[in-house]
Amino acid sequence: MPSKFDCDYAYVLGHVCYHILAAGLNGYMATVTNLKSPLNKWRCGAAPISSMMTVKRWSRGPATTQIGKPAVHMASVDLRGKAYEMLRQNSSSCLLEDIYRNPGPLQFEGPGADAKPISLCVEDQDYMGRIKKLQEYLEKVKSIVKPGCSQDVLKAALSAMSSVTETLAIMTSSSTGQPPL
């Protein structure tokens, strides 16, 4: 049975999907952030699916041209992350003992009803760490997209950057009350 958090999360995602459809958008994915906060502080939005995609090159044979096929970026488990490290440290006790966080049939009432998933509580990358990671990505893009790069690379970069700036402008305008740039 899902927890209260699972139910709230699913309900909010469905509600965001309704608004995406009502706005006549397609190719967008519902997003919810600020999940560690109370439900009324969650931030909802929509992200273009194209911003999560890349074009993979496939060859059909030795002397043939390459074909580009869209694919969603892979997201692997962070084996150095706090949540995985905690699981690894407690794995032996999980095998031998009954360790449950789910409060069972009383999950919508009483202590533990508003508990967040452990992985959400443990993973708390600091703000400046994420800013640094963003700066690293921007520097990598600068090193790849420069005069002399292929038309395909330039086209992909322009498309991705256009999506990112449009998304950020919408997010910024909704949080400040100002119209998007």
N, C-alpha and C. Protein backbone atom coordinates (compact mmCIF):
# COMPACT_ATOMS: atom_id res chain seq x y z
N MET A 1 0.84 -1.17 0.00
CA MET A 1 0.00 0.00 0.00
C MET A 1 0.89 1.24 0.00
N PRO A 2 0.57 2.23 -0.81
CA PRO A 2 1.42 3.42 -0.88
C PRO A 2 1.31 4.27 0.39
N SER A 3 2.37 5.00 0.65
CA SER A 3 2.38 5.90 1.81
C SER A 3 1.57 7.16 1.49
N LYS A 4 1.35 7.97 2.49
CA LYS A 4 0.65 9.24 2.29
C LYS A 4 1.47 10.12 1.34
N PHE A 5 2.80 10.09 1.49
CA PHE A 5 3.67 10.85 0.59
C PHE A 5 3.47 10.39 -0.85
N ASP A 6 3.46 9.07 -1.08
CA ASP A 6 3.28 8.53 -2.43
C ASP A 6 1.95 9.01 -3.02
N CYS A 7 0.90 8.96 -2.23
CA CYS A 7 -0.43 9.38 -2.70
C CYS A 7 -0.45 10.88 -3.03
N ASP A 8 0.12 11.69 -2.14
CA ASP A 8 0.17 13.14 -2.38
C ASP A 8 0.97 13.44 -3.64
N TYR A 9 2.11 12.78 -3.79
CA TYR A 9 2.98 13.01 -4.94
C TYR A 9 2.27 12.63 -6.24
N ALA A 10 1.62 11.47 -6.26
CA ALA A 10 0.91 11.03 -7.46
C ALA A 10 -0.25 11.98 -7.78
N TYR A 11 -0.98 12.40 -6.77
CA TYR A 11 -2.11 13.31 -6.98
C TYR A 11 -1.63 14.64 -7.57
N VAL A 12 -0.55 15.19 -7.01
CA VAL A 12 -0.03 16.47 -7.48
C VAL A 12 0.48 16.34 -8.92
N LEU A 13 1.19 15.25 -9.23
CA LEU A 13 1.65 15.05 -10.61
C LEU A 13 0.47 14.97 -11.57
N GLY A 14 -0.58 14.27 -11.19
CA GLY A 14 -1.77 14.20 -12.03
C GLY A 14 -2.42 15.55 -12.22
N HIS A 15 -2.45 16.34 -11.17
CA HIS A 15 -3.04 17.68 -11.24
C HIS A 15 -2.22 18.57 -12.19
N VAL A 16 -0.89 18.46 -12.11
CA VAL A 16 -0.03 19.23 -13.01
C VAL A 16 -0.26 18.78 -14.45
N CYS A 17 -0.40 17.48 -14.67
CA CYS A 17 -0.67 16.96 -16.02
C CYS A 17 -1.96 17.55 -16.58
N TYR A 18 -2.98 17.66 -15.74
CA TYR A 18 -4.23 18.28 -16.17
C TYR A 18 -3.97 19.69 -16.68
N HIS A 19 -3.19 20.47 -15.93
CA HIS A 19 -2.92 21.85 -16.33
C HIS A 19 -2.08 21.92 -17.60
N ILE A 20 -1.18 20.96 -17.78
CA ILE A 20 -0.39 20.90 -19.02
C ILE A 20 -1.33 20.69 -20.21
N LEU A 21 -2.24 19.74 -20.07
CA LEU A 21 -3.20 19.46 -21.14
C LEU A 21 -4.15 20.63 -21.36
N ALA A 22 -4.62 21.23 -20.28
CA ALA A 22 -5.54 22.37 -20.40
C ALA A 22 -4.88 23.55 -21.10
N ALA A 23 -3.56 23.67 -20.95
CA ALA A 23 -2.82 24.75 -21.61
C ALA A 23 -2.53 24.42 -23.07
N GLY A 24 -2.90 23.21 -23.51
CA GLY A 24 -2.68 22.82 -24.90
C GLY A 24 -1.24 22.43 -25.21
N LEU A 25 -0.48 22.09 -24.19
CA LEU A 25 0.92 21.71 -24.39
C LEU A 25 1.03 20.21 -24.60
N ASN A 26 1.99 19.81 -25.41
CA ASN A 26 2.35 18.39 -25.45
C ASN A 26 3.86 18.31 -25.54
N GLY A 27 4.40 17.15 -25.19
CA GLY A 27 5.84 17.02 -25.14
C GLY A 27 6.43 17.56 -23.85
N TYR A 28 5.61 17.71 -22.83
CA TYR A 28 6.06 18.20 -21.53
C TYR A 28 5.84 17.14 -20.46
N MET A 29 6.67 17.17 -19.44
CA MET A 29 6.56 16.25 -18.32
C MET A 29 6.28 17.06 -17.05
N ALA A 30 5.35 16.57 -16.25
CA ALA A 30 5.03 17.24 -14.99
C ALA A 30 6.20 17.09 -14.02
N THR A 31 6.50 18.16 -13.30
CA THR A 31 7.58 18.11 -12.31
C THR A 31 7.08 18.69 -10.99
N VAL A 32 7.62 18.16 -9.92
CA VAL A 32 7.33 18.68 -8.58
C VAL A 32 8.65 18.74 -7.83
N THR A 33 8.96 19.89 -7.26
CA THR A 33 10.20 20.05 -6.51
C THR A 33 9.87 20.50 -5.09
N ASN A 34 10.92 20.64 -4.30
CA ASN A 34 10.78 21.06 -2.90
C ASN A 34 10.01 20.02 -2.09
N LEU A 35 10.23 18.74 -2.41
CA LEU A 35 9.46 17.64 -1.82
C LEU A 35 9.71 17.43 -0.34
N LYS A 36 10.81 17.94 0.19
CA LYS A 36 11.08 17.77 1.62
C LYS A 36 10.22 18.69 2.48
N SER A 37 9.69 19.71 1.86
CA SER A 37 8.85 20.68 2.58
C SER A 37 7.43 20.15 2.70
N PRO A 38 6.60 20.82 3.51
CA PRO A 38 5.19 20.43 3.58
C PRO A 38 4.53 20.55 2.20
N LEU A 39 3.45 19.85 2.02
CA LEU A 39 2.75 19.78 0.73
C LEU A 39 2.43 21.16 0.15
N ASN A 40 2.03 22.09 0.98
CA ASN A 40 1.66 23.42 0.47
C ASN A 40 2.86 24.24 0.01
N LYS A 41 4.07 23.75 0.24
CA LYS A 41 5.28 24.45 -0.20
C LYS A 41 5.90 23.79 -1.45
N TRP A 42 5.31 22.70 -1.93
CA TRP A 42 5.83 22.04 -3.12
C TRP A 42 5.71 22.99 -4.31
N ARG A 43 6.67 22.89 -5.24
CA ARG A 43 6.67 23.74 -6.43
C ARG A 43 6.41 22.86 -7.64
N CYS A 44 5.40 23.21 -8.40
CA CYS A 44 4.99 22.42 -9.56
C CYS A 44 5.41 23.11 -10.85
N GLY A 45 5.65 22.32 -11.88
CA GLY A 45 6.01 22.88 -13.16
C GLY A 45 5.92 21.83 -14.25
N ALA A 46 6.38 22.23 -15.43
CA ALA A 46 6.40 21.33 -16.57
C ALA A 46 7.72 21.52 -17.29
N ALA A 47 8.37 20.44 -17.64
CA ALA A 47 9.65 20.50 -18.33
C ALA A 47 9.50 19.86 -19.70
N PRO A 48 10.04 20.49 -20.75
CA PRO A 48 9.96 19.87 -22.07
C PRO A 48 10.77 18.57 -22.10
N ILE A 49 10.16 17.52 -22.61
CA ILE A 49 10.84 16.23 -22.67
C ILE A 49 12.09 16.34 -23.53
N SER A 50 12.06 17.22 -24.53
CA SER A 50 13.23 17.37 -25.41
C SER A 50 14.46 17.84 -24.64
N SER A 51 14.26 18.53 -23.51
CA SER A 51 15.41 19.00 -22.73
C SER A 51 16.12 17.86 -22.02
N MET A 52 15.48 16.70 -21.96
CA MET A 52 16.08 15.52 -21.33
C MET A 52 16.63 14.55 -22.36
N MET A 53 16.65 14.97 -23.62
CA MET A 53 17.02 14.03 -24.69
C MET A 53 18.32 14.42 -25.36
N THR A 54 18.87 13.45 -26.04
CA THR A 54 20.06 13.62 -26.85
C THR A 54 19.85 12.82 -28.13
N VAL A 55 20.73 12.98 -29.07
CA VAL A 55 20.65 12.20 -30.31
C VAL A 55 21.81 11.21 -30.32
N LYS A 56 21.48 9.94 -30.33
CA LYS A 56 22.49 8.88 -30.40
C LYS A 56 22.76 8.56 -31.86
N ARG A 57 24.01 8.34 -32.19
CA ARG A 57 24.40 8.00 -33.56
C ARG A 57 24.45 6.49 -33.72
N TRP A 58 23.79 5.98 -34.74
CA TRP A 58 23.75 4.55 -35.02
C TRP A 58 24.21 4.32 -36.46
N SER A 59 25.09 3.36 -36.65
CA SER A 59 25.52 2.95 -38.00
C SER A 59 24.85 1.64 -38.34
N ARG A 60 24.41 1.52 -39.58
CA ARG A 60 23.78 0.27 -40.01
C ARG A 60 24.79 -0.70 -40.59
N GLY A 61 25.94 -0.26 -40.86
CA GLY A 61 26.97 -1.13 -41.42
C GLY A 61 28.24 -0.34 -41.64
N PRO A 62 29.31 -1.01 -42.13
CA PRO A 62 30.60 -0.35 -42.27
C PRO A 62 30.59 0.85 -43.21
N ALA A 63 30.05 0.81 -44.35
CA ALA A 63 30.16 1.93 -45.30
C ALA A 63 28.85 2.69 -45.43
N THR A 64 28.12 2.81 -44.36
CA THR A 64 26.83 3.51 -44.42
C THR A 64 26.88 4.77 -43.59
N THR A 65 25.94 5.62 -43.85
CA THR A 65 25.87 6.86 -43.07
C THR A 65 25.25 6.59 -41.70
N GLN A 66 25.59 7.44 -40.79
CA GLN A 66 25.05 7.29 -39.44
C GLN A 66 23.64 7.87 -39.37
N ILE A 67 22.83 7.25 -38.56
CA ILE A 67 21.46 7.71 -38.35
C ILE A 67 21.34 8.21 -36.92
N GLY A 68 20.75 9.38 -36.75
CA GLY A 68 20.54 9.92 -35.41
C GLY A 68 19.19 9.50 -34.88
N LYS A 69 19.18 8.92 -33.69
CA LYS A 69 17.92 8.53 -33.05
C LYS A 69 17.83 9.22 -31.70
N PRO A 70 16.68 9.83 -31.41
CA PRO A 70 16.55 10.49 -30.11
C PRO A 70 16.50 9.48 -28.97
N ALA A 71 17.10 9.84 -27.86
CA ALA A 71 17.11 8.98 -26.67
C ALA A 71 17.12 9.87 -25.43
N VAL A 72 16.50 9.40 -24.37
CA VAL A 72 16.51 10.13 -23.10
C VAL A 72 17.85 9.90 -22.42
N HIS A 73 18.43 10.97 -21.84
CA HIS A 73 19.70 10.84 -21.12
C HIS A 73 19.58 9.78 -20.03
N MET A 74 20.60 8.97 -19.91
CA MET A 74 20.61 7.96 -18.85
C MET A 74 20.85 8.64 -17.51
N ALA A 75 20.22 8.13 -16.49
CA ALA A 75 20.44 8.59 -15.13
C ALA A 75 20.82 7.37 -14.30
N SER A 76 22.05 7.33 -13.87
CA SER A 76 22.50 6.17 -13.10
C SER A 76 22.44 6.46 -11.60
N VAL A 77 22.47 5.41 -10.82
CA VAL A 77 22.47 5.54 -9.37
C VAL A 77 23.82 6.10 -8.94
N ASP A 78 23.79 7.11 -8.09
CA ASP A 78 25.02 7.70 -7.58
C ASP A 78 25.59 6.79 -6.49
N LEU A 79 26.59 6.01 -6.85
CA LEU A 79 27.17 5.06 -5.91
C LEU A 79 28.00 5.75 -4.83
N ARG A 80 28.19 7.06 -4.94
CA ARG A 80 28.89 7.82 -3.91
C ARG A 80 27.92 8.69 -3.11
N GLY A 81 26.64 8.60 -3.45
CA GLY A 81 25.62 9.42 -2.79
C GLY A 81 25.33 8.95 -1.38
N LYS A 82 24.74 9.84 -0.61
CA LYS A 82 24.45 9.55 0.80
C LYS A 82 23.43 8.42 0.95
N ALA A 83 22.41 8.39 0.10
CA ALA A 83 21.38 7.36 0.22
C ALA A 83 21.95 5.97 -0.05
N TYR A 84 22.76 5.84 -1.09
CA TYR A 84 23.35 4.53 -1.41
C TYR A 84 24.33 4.11 -0.32
N GLU A 85 25.10 5.06 0.18
CA GLU A 85 26.07 4.76 1.24
C GLU A 85 25.35 4.27 2.50
N MET A 86 24.23 4.90 2.83
CA MET A 86 23.45 4.48 3.99
C MET A 86 22.90 3.07 3.79
N LEU A 87 22.41 2.77 2.59
CA LEU A 87 21.91 1.43 2.29
C LEU A 87 23.03 0.41 2.41
N ARG A 88 24.20 0.74 1.88
CA ARG A 88 25.34 -0.18 1.93
C ARG A 88 25.76 -0.45 3.38
N GLN A 89 25.79 0.59 4.20
CA GLN A 89 26.19 0.44 5.60
C GLN A 89 25.20 -0.41 6.39
N ASN A 90 23.93 -0.31 6.06
CA ASN A 90 22.89 -1.02 6.81
C ASN A 90 22.43 -2.31 6.15
N SER A 91 23.07 -2.72 5.06
CA SER A 91 22.59 -3.88 4.31
C SER A 91 22.62 -5.17 5.14
N SER A 92 23.64 -5.37 5.96
CA SER A 92 23.69 -6.61 6.74
C SER A 92 22.59 -6.64 7.80
N SER A 93 22.30 -5.51 8.44
CA SER A 93 21.23 -5.51 9.44
C SER A 93 19.86 -5.65 8.77
N CYS A 94 19.72 -5.20 7.54
CA CYS A 94 18.45 -5.37 6.82
C CYS A 94 18.18 -6.85 6.52
N LEU A 95 19.24 -7.62 6.33
CA LEU A 95 19.07 -9.05 6.05
C LEU A 95 18.65 -9.83 7.29
N LEU A 96 19.14 -9.41 8.45
CA LEU A 96 18.94 -10.18 9.67
C LEU A 96 17.80 -9.68 10.56
N GLU A 97 17.41 -8.44 10.41
CA GLU A 97 16.41 -7.86 11.30
C GLU A 97 15.20 -7.35 10.51
N ASP A 98 14.12 -7.16 11.21
CA ASP A 98 12.93 -6.56 10.60
C ASP A 98 13.03 -5.05 10.75
N ILE A 99 13.51 -4.39 9.72
CA ILE A 99 13.68 -2.94 9.75
C ILE A 99 12.69 -2.35 8.75
N TYR A 100 11.66 -1.71 9.28
CA TYR A 100 10.64 -1.13 8.42
C TYR A 100 10.47 0.34 8.74
N ARG A 101 10.33 1.15 7.73
CA ARG A 101 10.03 2.57 7.94
C ARG A 101 8.54 2.81 7.69
N ASN A 102 7.95 1.99 6.85
CA ASN A 102 6.53 2.14 6.55
C ASN A 102 5.71 1.76 7.79
N PRO A 103 4.87 2.66 8.27
CA PRO A 103 4.12 2.36 9.49
C PRO A 103 2.98 1.36 9.31
N GLY A 104 2.83 0.78 8.14
CA GLY A 104 1.83 -0.26 7.94
C GLY A 104 0.44 0.29 7.71
N PRO A 105 -0.58 -0.40 8.23
CA PRO A 105 -1.95 0.00 7.92
C PRO A 105 -2.36 1.35 8.49
N LEU A 106 -1.59 1.91 9.41
CA LEU A 106 -1.93 3.20 10.01
C LEU A 106 -1.20 4.34 9.31
N GLN A 107 -0.80 4.14 8.06
CA GLN A 107 0.06 5.12 7.40
C GLN A 107 -0.59 6.46 7.08
N PHE A 108 -1.91 6.58 7.14
CA PHE A 108 -2.55 7.87 6.88
C PHE A 108 -2.85 8.64 8.16
N GLU A 109 -2.59 8.02 9.30
CA GLU A 109 -2.82 8.68 10.59
C GLU A 109 -1.70 8.33 11.55
N GLY A 110 -1.55 9.13 12.58
CA GLY A 110 -0.61 8.81 13.64
C GLY A 110 0.83 9.13 13.30
N PRO A 111 1.73 8.71 14.21
CA PRO A 111 3.15 9.01 13.99
C PRO A 111 3.65 8.30 12.73
N GLY A 112 4.41 9.00 11.97
CA GLY A 112 4.96 8.41 10.75
C GLY A 112 4.10 8.63 9.52
N ALA A 113 2.90 9.15 9.69
CA ALA A 113 2.01 9.35 8.54
C ALA A 113 2.59 10.34 7.55
N ASP A 114 3.28 11.35 8.05
CA ASP A 114 3.85 12.36 7.17
C ASP A 114 5.34 12.15 6.90
N ALA A 115 5.82 10.94 7.16
CA ALA A 115 7.24 10.63 6.95
C ALA A 115 7.57 10.69 5.46
N LYS A 116 8.72 11.25 5.17
CA LYS A 116 9.22 11.32 3.80
C LYS A 116 10.11 10.11 3.55
N PRO A 117 10.31 9.72 2.30
CA PRO A 117 11.21 8.60 2.00
C PRO A 117 12.62 8.89 2.51
N ILE A 118 13.29 7.87 3.01
CA ILE A 118 14.64 8.04 3.54
C ILE A 118 15.57 8.63 2.49
N SER A 119 15.47 8.13 1.26
CA SER A 119 16.36 8.62 0.21
C SER A 119 16.18 10.12 -0.02
N LEU A 120 14.98 10.62 0.14
CA LEU A 120 14.72 12.05 -0.02
C LEU A 120 15.31 12.84 1.15
N CYS A 121 15.20 12.30 2.34
CA CYS A 121 15.72 12.98 3.53
C CYS A 121 17.24 12.98 3.58
N VAL A 122 17.85 11.90 3.11
CA VAL A 122 19.30 11.76 3.20
C VAL A 122 20.00 12.54 2.10
N GLU A 123 19.46 12.49 0.88
CA GLU A 123 20.09 13.19 -0.24
C GLU A 123 19.82 14.68 -0.11
N ASP A 124 20.78 15.42 0.34
CA ASP A 124 20.61 16.86 0.51
C ASP A 124 21.86 17.56 0.01
N GLN A 125 22.04 17.50 -1.31
CA GLN A 125 23.21 18.15 -1.89
C GLN A 125 23.07 19.65 -1.66
N ASP A 126 24.13 20.26 -1.22
CA ASP A 126 24.04 21.68 -0.89
C ASP A 126 23.86 22.53 -2.14
N TYR A 127 23.28 23.69 -1.94
CA TYR A 127 22.96 24.62 -3.02
C TYR A 127 24.20 25.01 -3.82
N MET A 128 25.25 25.39 -3.14
CA MET A 128 26.46 25.82 -3.84
C MET A 128 27.11 24.66 -4.59
N GLY A 129 26.95 23.45 -4.09
CA GLY A 129 27.46 22.28 -4.81
C GLY A 129 26.76 22.11 -6.15
N ARG A 130 25.45 22.36 -6.17
CA ARG A 130 24.69 22.27 -7.42
C ARG A 130 25.05 23.41 -8.36
N ILE A 131 25.29 24.60 -7.81
CA ILE A 131 25.73 25.72 -8.64
C ILE A 131 27.07 25.38 -9.30
N LYS A 132 27.98 24.80 -8.53
CA LYS A 132 29.29 24.42 -9.07
C LYS A 132 29.13 23.39 -10.19
N LYS A 133 28.24 22.42 -9.99
CA LYS A 133 28.00 21.39 -11.01
C LYS A 133 27.45 22.04 -12.29
N LEU A 134 26.54 22.99 -12.13
CA LEU A 134 25.99 23.70 -13.29
C LEU A 134 27.10 24.45 -14.03
N GLN A 135 27.98 25.12 -13.29
CA GLN A 135 29.09 25.84 -13.92
C GLN A 135 30.00 24.89 -14.71
N GLU A 136 30.22 23.68 -14.16
CA GLU A 136 31.02 22.68 -14.87
C GLU A 136 30.37 22.28 -16.19
N TYR A 137 29.05 22.07 -16.16
CA TYR A 137 28.33 21.73 -17.40
C TYR A 137 28.42 22.86 -18.42
N LEU A 138 28.26 24.10 -17.96
CA LEU A 138 28.33 25.23 -18.88
C LEU A 138 29.72 25.35 -19.51
N GLU A 139 30.76 25.12 -18.71
CA GLU A 139 32.13 25.15 -19.25
C GLU A 139 32.34 24.04 -20.28
N LYS A 140 31.77 22.87 -20.02
CA LYS A 140 31.89 21.75 -20.96
C LYS A 140 31.20 22.10 -22.28
N VAL A 141 30.01 22.72 -22.19
CA VAL A 141 29.30 23.14 -23.40
C VAL A 141 30.14 24.16 -24.16
N LYS A 142 30.74 25.12 -23.45
CA LYS A 142 31.59 26.13 -24.10
C LYS A 142 32.76 25.49 -24.82
N SER A 143 33.33 24.44 -24.23
CA SER A 143 34.49 23.80 -24.86
C SER A 143 34.10 22.97 -26.09
N ILE A 144 32.86 22.50 -26.14
CA ILE A 144 32.40 21.68 -27.27
C ILE A 144 31.84 22.55 -28.39
N VAL A 145 31.04 23.56 -28.03
CA VAL A 145 30.37 24.40 -29.02
C VAL A 145 31.17 25.69 -29.20
N LYS A 146 32.01 25.69 -30.20
CA LYS A 146 32.82 26.87 -30.50
C LYS A 146 33.04 26.91 -32.01
N PRO A 147 33.53 28.03 -32.53
CA PRO A 147 33.74 28.10 -33.98
C PRO A 147 34.53 26.88 -34.49
N GLY A 148 33.97 26.26 -35.52
CA GLY A 148 34.59 25.06 -36.08
C GLY A 148 33.84 23.78 -35.73
N CYS A 149 32.89 23.86 -34.80
CA CYS A 149 32.12 22.65 -34.46
C CYS A 149 31.16 22.34 -35.61
N SER A 150 30.67 21.13 -35.65
CA SER A 150 29.78 20.72 -36.75
C SER A 150 28.42 21.40 -36.64
N GLN A 151 27.72 21.44 -37.76
CA GLN A 151 26.37 22.01 -37.78
C GLN A 151 25.43 21.25 -36.85
N ASP A 152 25.60 19.91 -36.80
CA ASP A 152 24.75 19.08 -35.94
C ASP A 152 24.94 19.43 -34.46
N VAL A 153 26.20 19.62 -34.06
CA VAL A 153 26.49 19.98 -32.67
C VAL A 153 25.89 21.34 -32.35
N LEU A 154 26.07 22.29 -33.26
CA LEU A 154 25.53 23.63 -33.06
C LEU A 154 24.00 23.61 -32.98
N LYS A 155 23.39 22.85 -33.87
CA LYS A 155 21.92 22.75 -33.90
C LYS A 155 21.39 22.14 -32.60
N ALA A 156 22.03 21.06 -32.14
CA ALA A 156 21.61 20.41 -30.89
C ALA A 156 21.78 21.35 -29.70
N ALA A 157 22.90 22.07 -29.66
CA ALA A 157 23.15 23.00 -28.55
C ALA A 157 22.14 24.14 -28.54
N LEU A 158 21.84 24.69 -29.71
CA LEU A 158 20.86 25.77 -29.79
C LEU A 158 19.48 25.30 -29.35
N SER A 159 19.10 24.11 -29.77
CA SER A 159 17.79 23.56 -29.39
C SER A 159 17.71 23.35 -27.88
N ALA A 160 18.74 22.74 -27.31
CA ALA A 160 18.75 22.46 -25.87
C ALA A 160 18.77 23.76 -25.07
N MET A 161 19.61 24.71 -25.46
CA MET A 161 19.71 25.97 -24.73
C MET A 161 18.42 26.77 -24.84
N SER A 162 17.77 26.71 -26.00
CA SER A 162 16.49 27.39 -26.17
C SER A 162 15.46 26.83 -25.20
N SER A 163 15.40 25.50 -25.10
CA SER A 163 14.46 24.85 -24.17
C SER A 163 14.77 25.23 -22.73
N VAL A 164 16.05 25.20 -22.37
CA VAL A 164 16.45 25.51 -21.00
C VAL A 164 16.11 26.95 -20.64
N THR A 165 16.46 27.90 -21.52
CA THR A 165 16.19 29.30 -21.20
C THR A 165 14.69 29.58 -21.15
N GLU A 166 13.91 28.93 -22.04
CA GLU A 166 12.45 29.11 -22.01
C GLU A 166 11.87 28.57 -20.70
N THR A 167 12.32 27.39 -20.31
CA THR A 167 11.85 26.78 -19.07
C THR A 167 12.21 27.65 -17.86
N LEU A 168 13.46 28.11 -17.81
CA LEU A 168 13.90 28.94 -16.68
C LEU A 168 13.16 30.28 -16.65
N ALA A 169 12.89 30.86 -17.81
CA ALA A 169 12.15 32.12 -17.86
C ALA A 169 10.74 31.94 -17.31
N ILE A 170 10.10 30.83 -17.68
CA ILE A 170 8.74 30.55 -17.17
C ILE A 170 8.78 30.31 -15.67
N MET A 171 9.76 29.52 -15.21
CA MET A 171 9.87 29.24 -13.77
C MET A 171 10.14 30.52 -12.98
N THR A 172 11.01 31.36 -13.50
CA THR A 172 11.37 32.60 -12.82
C THR A 172 10.17 33.54 -12.77
N SER A 173 9.44 33.63 -13.88
CA SER A 173 8.29 34.54 -13.91
C SER A 173 7.19 34.07 -12.97
N SER A 174 7.01 32.74 -12.84
CA SER A 174 5.95 32.25 -11.96
C SER A 174 6.30 32.46 -10.49
N SER A 175 7.58 32.47 -10.16
CA SER A 175 7.95 32.67 -8.76
C SER A 175 8.04 34.15 -8.39
N THR A 176 8.26 35.03 -9.38
CA THR A 176 8.36 36.46 -9.09
C THR A 176 7.09 37.22 -9.45
N GLY A 177 6.20 36.59 -10.21
CA GLY A 177 4.98 37.26 -10.64
C GLY A 177 5.19 38.13 -11.87
N GLN A 178 6.39 38.15 -12.43
CA GLN A 178 6.69 38.93 -13.61
C GLN A 178 6.44 38.10 -14.86
N PRO A 179 6.07 38.73 -16.00
CA PRO A 179 5.89 37.96 -17.23
C PRO A 179 7.24 37.44 -17.73
N PRO A 180 7.24 36.28 -18.47
CA PRO A 180 8.50 35.73 -18.96
C PRO A 180 9.17 36.67 -19.95
N LEU A 181 10.49 36.58 -20.02
CA LEU A 181 11.28 37.44 -20.91
C LEU A 181 11.04 37.11 -22.36
